[in-house]
Amino acid sequence: MTAPYTFPPFLPIIKLMNQHFRRILFIFGFFAACVLALPVVWAQDASAQDAAAQGAASDEAKELPRQFRKIALGMGLDELKAALEEDSQGENRLFNFRGDRDVSFLPAREESLVEISGPSFIRRAFFQLRDGSLFIMAYTLNTNMMDHYSIFTEMTAKYGQPTYLDPKEAVWESEDLRVSIERPLTVKYIDKKVFNDIINESSLVESRRVQRRQEFLNEF
């Protein structure tokens, strides 16, 4: 008589398959997590590199200039005229300086103003002196030959991000100097110490005027 057929013991095989399946799922999940984490790591690394680059750029920023070509804040009128005369010669001249005809003397505390035109990159230039010393120079550029973006980019690369920025102007400041780019396109250098002295004196004069006015009114 033939022995009855018995089925093989499938339960141990199923258990073994379940163990292998769980291992495969674990390995797949591990690699999936690694792949998903890569963009985050790359983004963090890129941010760190950007921050380092910005820090390096800030460390390498130059000191704000008190001088444009041979014209510098603090120079006297004769020095200024000589520098303008030199830059008014030749094909590459920047100014059309005509000597004393371009110099005006203001009534306030020995102040003088030099206003000149230019044939190329500089359309107009203004220089203001007080007590014989240059404390403001402003260059209005020719927008047909130069643009605001180029000037701003160049100055930011050299001197770092501006201290103050709005749609009308970008300003770089140090303890004693203010340099700005004003729209449409004027680059201005100001000696803050002299300029602040003028503001303070103007405020004092205005205060005295108001006081005399009030004293006069008190007479009624």
C-alpha atoms as a PDB file:
ATOM      1  CA  MET A   1       0.000   0.000   0.000  1.00  0.00           C
ATOM      2  CA  THR A   2       1.337   3.371  -0.996  1.00  0.00           C
ATOM      3  CA  ALA A   3       2.134   5.795   1.810  1.00  0.00           C
ATOM      4  CA  PRO A   4      -0.023   8.955   1.849  1.00  0.00           C
ATOM      5  CA  TYR A   5       1.502  12.032   0.210  1.00  0.00           C
ATOM      6  CA  THR A   6       2.704  14.638   2.684  1.00  0.00           C
ATOM      7  CA  PHE A   7       3.285  18.328   1.799  1.00  0.00           C
ATOM      8  CA  PRO A   8       6.733  19.747   2.468  1.00  0.00           C
ATOM      9  CA  PRO A   9       7.095  21.905   5.535  1.00  0.00           C
ATOM     10  CA  PHE A  10       6.423  25.377   3.945  1.00  0.00           C
ATOM     11  CA  LEU A  11       6.255  27.318   7.212  1.00  0.00           C
ATOM     12  CA  PRO A  12      10.062  27.430   7.787  1.00  0.00           C
ATOM     13  CA  ILE A  13      10.533  28.536   4.157  1.00  0.00           C
ATOM     14  CA  ILE A  14       7.981  31.339   4.508  1.00  0.00           C
ATOM     15  CA  LYS A  15       9.682  32.527   7.689  1.00  0.00           C
ATOM     16  CA  LEU A  16      13.052  32.566   5.904  1.00  0.00           C
ATOM     17  CA  MET A  17      11.581  34.516   2.968  1.00  0.00           C
ATOM     18  CA  ASN A  18      10.054  37.052   5.365  1.00  0.00           C
ATOM     19  CA  GLN A  19      13.451  37.599   6.997  1.00  0.00           C
ATOM     20  CA  HIS A  20      15.126  38.202   3.634  1.00  0.00           C
ATOM     21  CA  PHE A  21      12.320  40.527   2.579  1.00  0.00           C
ATOM     22  CA  ARG A  22      12.709  42.616   5.745  1.00  0.00           C
ATOM     23  CA  ARG A  23      16.457  42.876   5.142  1.00  0.00           C
ATOM     24  CA  ILE A  24      15.873  44.006   1.556  1.00  0.00           C
ATOM     25  CA  LEU A  25      13.381  46.625   2.742  1.00  0.00           C
ATOM     26  CA  PHE A  26      15.853  47.897   5.352  1.00  0.00           C
ATOM     27  CA  ILE A  27      18.671  48.193   2.817  1.00  0.00           C
ATOM     28  CA  PHE A  28      16.384  49.918   0.295  1.00  0.00           C
ATOM     29  CA  GLY A  29      15.126  52.350   2.938  1.00  0.00           C
ATOM     30  CA  PHE A  30      18.677  53.142   4.047  1.00  0.00           C
ATOM     31  CA  PHE A  31      19.834  53.982   0.526  1.00  0.00           C
ATOM     32  CA  ALA A  32      16.663  55.951  -0.193  1.00  0.00           C
ATOM     33  CA  ALA A  33      17.291  58.073   2.910  1.00  0.00           C
ATOM     34  CA  CYS A  34      20.884  58.702   1.817  1.00  0.00           C
ATOM     35  CA  VAL A  35      19.791  59.762  -1.661  1.00  0.00           C
ATOM     36  CA  LEU A  36      17.116  62.094  -0.293  1.00  0.00           C
ATOM     37  CA  ALA A  37      19.609  63.658   2.110  1.00  0.00           C
ATOM     38  CA  LEU A  38      22.131  64.508  -0.631  1.00  0.00           C
ATOM     39  CA  PRO A  39      20.373  67.707  -1.872  1.00  0.00           C
ATOM     40  CA  VAL A  40      20.209  69.015   1.714  1.00  0.00           C
ATOM     41  CA  VAL A  41      23.907  68.342   2.241  1.00  0.00           C
ATOM     42  CA  TRP A  42      24.779  69.962  -1.061  1.00  0.00           C
ATOM     43  CA  ALA A  43      22.617  72.983  -0.241  1.00  0.00           C
ATOM     44  CA  GLN A  44      24.249  73.371   3.169  1.00  0.00           C
ATOM     45  CA  ASP A  45      27.688  73.064   1.596  1.00  0.00           C
ATOM     46  CA  ALA A  46      26.813  75.661  -1.054  1.00  0.00           C
ATOM     47  CA  SER A  47      25.489  78.028   1.616  1.00  0.00           C
ATOM     48  CA  ALA A  48      28.657  77.591   3.633  1.00  0.00           C
ATOM     49  CA  GLN A  49      30.777  78.308   0.559  1.00  0.00           C
ATOM     50  CA  ASP A  50      28.722  81.423  -0.259  1.00  0.00           C
ATOM     51  CA  ALA A  51      29.061  82.672   3.305  1.00  0.00           C
ATOM     52  CA  ALA A  52      32.809  82.050   3.231  1.00  0.00           C
ATOM     53  CA  ALA A  53      33.102  83.865  -0.095  1.00  0.00           C
ATOM     54  CA  GLN A  54      31.149  86.843   1.223  1.00  0.00           C
ATOM     55  CA  GLY A  55      33.280  86.926   4.346  1.00  0.00           C
ATOM     56  CA  ALA A  56      36.455  86.810   2.285  1.00  0.00           C
ATOM     57  CA  ALA A  57      35.163  89.602   0.040  1.00  0.00           C
ATOM     58  CA  SER A  58      34.339  91.689   3.099  1.00  0.00           C
ATOM     59  CA  ASP A  59      37.805  91.094   4.561  1.00  0.00           C
ATOM     60  CA  GLU A  60      39.411  92.143   1.273  1.00  0.00           C
ATOM     61  CA  ALA A  61      37.332  95.335   0.859  1.00  0.00           C
ATOM     62  CA  LYS A  62      39.534  98.354   0.271  1.00  0.00           C
ATOM     63  CA  GLU A  63      39.469 101.553   2.263  1.00  0.00           C
ATOM     64  CA  LEU A  64      37.134 104.175   0.836  1.00  0.00           C
ATOM     65  CA  PRO A  65      38.996 106.552  -1.502  1.00  0.00           C
ATOM     66  CA  ARG A  66      39.395 110.267  -0.798  1.00  0.00           C
ATOM     67  CA  GLN A  67      40.778 110.738  -4.278  1.00  0.00           C
ATOM     68  CA  PHE A  68      39.666 110.455  -7.906  1.00  0.00           C
ATOM     69  CA  ARG A  69      42.628 110.422 -10.288  1.00  0.00           C
ATOM     70  CA  LYS A  70      44.833 113.286  -9.001  1.00  0.00           C
ATOM     71  CA  ILE A  71      42.039 115.205  -7.281  1.00  0.00           C
ATOM     72  CA  ALA A  72      41.775 114.560  -3.535  1.00  0.00           C
ATOM     73  CA  LEU A  73      39.670 115.878  -0.689  1.00  0.00           C
ATOM     74  CA  GLY A  74      41.667 118.289   1.456  1.00  0.00           C
ATOM     75  CA  MET A  75      43.752 119.768  -1.374  1.00  0.00           C
ATOM     76  CA  GLY A  76      43.938 123.528  -1.862  1.00  0.00           C
ATOM     77  CA  LEU A  77      42.509 125.601  -4.696  1.00  0.00           C
ATOM     78  CA  ASP A  78      45.821 125.988  -6.531  1.00  0.00           C
ATOM     79  CA  GLU A  79      46.425 122.217  -6.366  1.00  0.00           C
ATOM     80  CA  LEU A  80      42.904 121.581  -7.622  1.00  0.00           C
ATOM     81  CA  LYS A  81      43.325 123.954 -10.559  1.00  0.00           C
ATOM     82  CA  ALA A  82      46.639 122.331 -11.493  1.00  0.00           C
ATOM     83  CA  ALA A  83      45.081 118.830 -11.424  1.00  0.00           C
ATOM     84  CA  LEU A  84      42.117 119.984 -13.523  1.00  0.00           C
ATOM     85  CA  GLU A  85      44.417 121.701 -16.003  1.00  0.00           C
ATOM     86  CA  GLU A  86      46.442 118.489 -16.407  1.00  0.00           C
ATOM     87  CA  ASP A  87      43.281 116.421 -16.985  1.00  0.00           C
ATOM     88  CA  SER A  88      42.034 118.906 -19.578  1.00  0.00           C
ATOM     89  CA  GLN A  89      44.798 118.135 -22.065  1.00  0.00           C
ATOM     90  CA  GLY A  90      45.007 115.626 -24.915  1.00  0.00           C
ATOM     91  CA  GLU A  91      42.573 113.295 -26.608  1.00  0.00           C
ATOM     92  CA  ASN A  92      41.713 111.422 -23.402  1.00  0.00           C
ATOM     93  CA  ARG A  93      40.972 114.507 -21.344  1.00  0.00           C
ATOM     94  CA  LEU A  94      38.105 114.314 -18.854  1.00  0.00           C
ATOM     95  CA  PHE A  95      37.527 118.034 -18.255  1.00  0.00           C
ATOM     96  CA  ASN A  96      37.189 121.291 -20.140  1.00  0.00           C
ATOM     97  CA  PHE A  97      38.761 123.464 -17.430  1.00  0.00           C
ATOM     98  CA  ARG A  98      39.033 127.137 -18.401  1.00  0.00           C
ATOM     99  CA  GLY A  99      40.974 128.408 -15.426  1.00  0.00           C
ATOM    100  CA  ASP A 100      39.632 131.122 -13.130  1.00  0.00           C
ATOM    101  CA  ARG A 101      36.531 131.555 -15.329  1.00  0.00           C
ATOM    102  CA  ASP A 102      35.230 128.302 -13.816  1.00  0.00           C
ATOM    103  CA  VAL A 103      35.908 129.386 -10.219  1.00  0.00           C
ATOM    104  CA  SER A 104      33.254 131.172  -8.143  1.00  0.00           C
ATOM    105  CA  PHE A 105      33.781 132.648  -4.689  1.00  0.00           C
ATOM    106  CA  LEU A 106      30.863 132.296  -2.298  1.00  0.00           C
ATOM    107  CA  PRO A 107      30.112 134.851   0.418  1.00  0.00           C
ATOM    108  CA  ALA A 108      29.979 132.258   3.202  1.00  0.00           C
ATOM    109  CA  ARG A 109      33.211 131.804   5.182  1.00  0.00           C
ATOM    110  CA  GLU A 110      35.757 131.821   2.377  1.00  0.00           C
ATOM    111  CA  GLU A 111      33.989 129.178   0.331  1.00  0.00           C
ATOM    112  CA  SER A 112      34.640 128.693  -3.369  1.00  0.00           C
ATOM    113  CA  LEU A 113      33.044 126.563  -6.053  1.00  0.00           C
ATOM    114  CA  VAL A 114      34.569 125.136  -9.225  1.00  0.00           C
ATOM    115  CA  GLU A 115      32.070 123.960 -11.841  1.00  0.00           C
ATOM    116  CA  ILE A 116      33.259 122.528 -15.143  1.00  0.00           C
ATOM    117  CA  SER A 117      32.047 120.424 -18.051  1.00  0.00           C
ATOM    118  CA  GLY A 118      33.642 117.367 -19.611  1.00  0.00           C
ATOM    119  CA  PRO A 119      33.860 115.998 -23.162  1.00  0.00           C
ATOM    120  CA  SER A 120      33.516 112.266 -22.481  1.00  0.00           C
ATOM    121  CA  PHE A 121      32.727 110.105 -19.457  1.00  0.00           C
ATOM    122  CA  ILE A 122      32.212 113.097 -17.133  1.00  0.00           C
ATOM    123  CA  ARG A 123      29.471 115.462 -18.219  1.00  0.00           C
ATOM    124  CA  ARG A 124      29.738 117.941 -15.312  1.00  0.00           C
ATOM    125  CA  ALA A 125      31.952 118.175 -12.243  1.00  0.00           C
ATOM    126  CA  PHE A 126      31.548 120.248  -9.083  1.00  0.00           C
ATOM    127  CA  PHE A 127      34.184 121.000  -6.458  1.00  0.00           C
ATOM    128  CA  GLN A 128      33.452 122.935  -3.282  1.00  0.00           C
ATOM    129  CA  LEU A 129      36.137 124.319  -0.977  1.00  0.00           C
ATOM    130  CA  ARG A 130      35.936 125.814   2.476  1.00  0.00           C
ATOM    131  CA  ASP A 131      38.732 127.761   4.107  1.00  0.00           C
ATOM    132  CA  GLY A 132      40.794 126.903   1.046  1.00  0.00           C
ATOM    133  CA  SER A 133      40.332 123.128   1.389  1.00  0.00           C
ATOM    134  CA  LEU A 134      38.379 120.825  -0.948  1.00  0.00           C
ATOM    135  CA  PHE A 135      35.600 119.028   0.976  1.00  0.00           C
ATOM    136  CA  ILE A 136      33.071 118.034  -1.715  1.00  0.00           C
ATOM    137  CA  MET A 137      33.650 116.705  -5.212  1.00  0.00           C
ATOM    138  CA  ALA A 138      30.838 115.450  -7.412  1.00  0.00           C
ATOM    139  CA  TYR A 139      31.001 113.934 -10.883  1.00  0.00           C
ATOM    140  CA  THR A 140      27.883 113.700 -13.035  1.00  0.00           C
ATOM    141  CA  LEU A 141      28.632 111.022 -15.605  1.00  0.00           C
ATOM    142  CA  ASN A 142      27.579 110.770 -19.225  1.00  0.00           C
ATOM    143  CA  THR A 143      24.863 108.086 -19.304  1.00  0.00           C
ATOM    144  CA  ASN A 144      25.502 107.523 -23.011  1.00  0.00           C
ATOM    145  CA  MET A 145      28.962 106.203 -22.152  1.00  0.00           C
ATOM    146  CA  MET A 146      28.527 104.805 -18.633  1.00  0.00           C
ATOM    147  CA  ASP A 147      25.697 103.198 -16.641  1.00  0.00           C
ATOM    148  CA  HIS A 148      24.678 102.995 -13.005  1.00  0.00           C
ATOM    149  CA  TYR A 149      24.986  99.212 -12.779  1.00  0.00           C
ATOM    150  CA  SER A 150      28.619  99.198 -13.935  1.00  0.00           C
ATOM    151  CA  ILE A 151      29.651 101.871 -11.425  1.00  0.00           C
ATOM    152  CA  PHE A 152      27.741 100.199  -8.584  1.00  0.00           C
ATOM    153  CA  THR A 153      29.195  96.762  -9.384  1.00  0.00           C
ATOM    154  CA  GLU A 154      32.747  98.104  -9.545  1.00  0.00           C
ATOM    155  CA  MET A 155      32.474  99.987  -6.253  1.00  0.00           C
ATOM    156  CA  THR A 156      30.817  97.071  -4.472  1.00  0.00           C
ATOM    157  CA  ALA A 157      33.583  94.741  -5.626  1.00  0.00           C
ATOM    158  CA  LYS A 158      36.235  97.134  -4.290  1.00  0.00           C
ATOM    159  CA  TYR A 159      34.653  98.572  -1.140  1.00  0.00           C
ATOM    160  CA  GLY A 160      32.080  95.973  -0.088  1.00  0.00           C
ATOM    161  CA  GLN A 161      28.337  96.342   0.290  1.00  0.00           C
ATOM    162  CA  PRO A 162      27.055  99.921   0.745  1.00  0.00           C
ATOM    163  CA  THR A 163      26.284 101.229   4.206  1.00  0.00           C
ATOM    164  CA  TYR A 164      22.929 102.494   2.975  1.00  0.00           C
ATOM    165  CA  LEU A 165      20.966 101.642  -0.149  1.00  0.00           C
ATOM    166  CA  ASP A 166      17.671 102.846  -1.586  1.00  0.00           C
ATOM    167  CA  PRO A 167      16.302 103.395  -5.115  1.00  0.00           C
ATOM    168  CA  LYS A 168      17.812 106.901  -5.250  1.00  0.00           C
ATOM    169  CA  GLU A 169      21.331 106.329  -3.961  1.00  0.00           C
ATOM    170  CA  ALA A 170      23.920 103.905  -2.643  1.00  0.00           C
ATOM    171  CA  VAL A 171      26.135 105.199   0.172  1.00  0.00           C
ATOM    172  CA  TRP A 172      29.438 103.972   1.566  1.00  0.00           C
ATOM    173  CA  GLU A 173      30.592 105.603   4.802  1.00  0.00           C
ATOM    174  CA  SER A 174      33.606 105.586   7.061  1.00  0.00           C
ATOM    175  CA  GLU A 175      34.319 107.668  10.132  1.00  0.00           C
ATOM    176  CA  ASP A 176      35.339 110.740   8.137  1.00  0.00           C
ATOM    177  CA  LEU A 177      34.198 110.054   4.566  1.00  0.00           C
ATOM    178  CA  ARG A 178      30.960 109.615   2.624  1.00  0.00           C
ATOM    179  CA  VAL A 179      30.974 108.255  -0.934  1.00  0.00           C
ATOM    180  CA  SER A 180      27.711 107.897  -2.834  1.00  0.00           C
ATOM    181  CA  ILE A 181      26.255 107.009  -6.224  1.00  0.00           C
ATOM    182  CA  GLU A 182      23.143 109.077  -6.864  1.00  0.00           C
ATOM    183  CA  ARG A 183      20.674 108.489  -9.679  1.00  0.00           C
ATOM    184  CA  PRO A 184      20.605 109.058 -12.521  1.00  0.00           C
ATOM    185  CA  LEU A 185      24.423 108.904 -12.306  1.00  0.00           C
ATOM    186  CA  THR A 186      26.447 111.172 -10.012  1.00  0.00           C
ATOM    187  CA  VAL A 187      29.382 109.981  -7.903  1.00  0.00           C
ATOM    188  CA  LYS A 188      29.976 112.195  -4.890  1.00  0.00           C
ATOM    189  CA  TYR A 189      32.772 112.370  -2.288  1.00  0.00           C
ATOM    190  CA  ILE A 190      32.210 114.319   0.948  1.00  0.00           C
ATOM    191  CA  ASP A 191      34.535 115.076   3.854  1.00  0.00           C
ATOM    192  CA  LYS A 192      32.110 114.370   6.708  1.00  0.00           C
ATOM    193  CA  LYS A 193      33.986 116.381   9.321  1.00  0.00           C
ATOM    194  CA  VAL A 194      33.850 119.628   7.337  1.00  0.00           C
ATOM    195  CA  PHE A 195      30.307 118.955   6.125  1.00  0.00           C
ATOM    196  CA  ASN A 196      29.046 118.234   9.667  1.00  0.00           C
ATOM    197  CA  ASP A 197      30.708 121.428  10.911  1.00  0.00           C
ATOM    198  CA  ILE A 198      28.756 123.379   8.285  1.00  0.00           C
ATOM    199  CA  ILE A 199      25.497 121.684   9.298  1.00  0.00           C
ATOM    200  CA  ASN A 200      26.126 122.468  12.961  1.00  0.00           C
ATOM    201  CA  GLU A 201      26.956 126.097  12.189  1.00  0.00           C
ATOM    202  CA  SER A 202      23.836 126.404  10.028  1.00  0.00           C
ATOM    203  CA  SER A 203      21.721 125.009  12.858  1.00  0.00           C
ATOM    204  CA  LEU A 204      23.277 127.492  15.279  1.00  0.00           C
ATOM    205  CA  VAL A 205      22.630 130.416  12.925  1.00  0.00           C
ATOM    206  CA  GLU A 206      19.019 129.296  12.463  1.00  0.00           C
ATOM    207  CA  SER A 207      18.586 128.963  16.217  1.00  0.00           C
ATOM    208  CA  ARG A 208      19.870 132.512  16.732  1.00  0.00           C
ATOM    209  CA  ARG A 209      17.538 133.813  14.000  1.00  0.00           C
ATOM    210  CA  VAL A 210      14.538 132.176  15.657  1.00  0.00           C
ATOM    211  CA  GLN A 211      15.606 133.587  19.021  1.00  0.00           C
ATOM    212  CA  ARG A 212      15.908 137.177  17.652  1.00  0.00           C
ATOM    213  CA  ARG A 213      12.536 136.812  15.957  1.00  0.00           C
ATOM    214  CA  GLN A 214      10.945 135.726  19.219  1.00  0.00           C
ATOM    215  CA  GLU A 215      12.610 138.580  21.101  1.00  0.00           C
ATOM    216  CA  PHE A 216      11.189 141.032  18.579  1.00  0.00           C
ATOM    217  CA  LEU A 217       7.702 139.532  18.942  1.00  0.00           C
ATOM    218  CA  ASN A 218       7.973 139.896  22.729  1.00  0.00           C
ATOM    219  CA  GLU A 219       8.179 143.654  22.290  1.00  0.00           C
ATOM    220  CA  PHE A 220       4.490 143.805  21.358  1.00  0.00           C
END
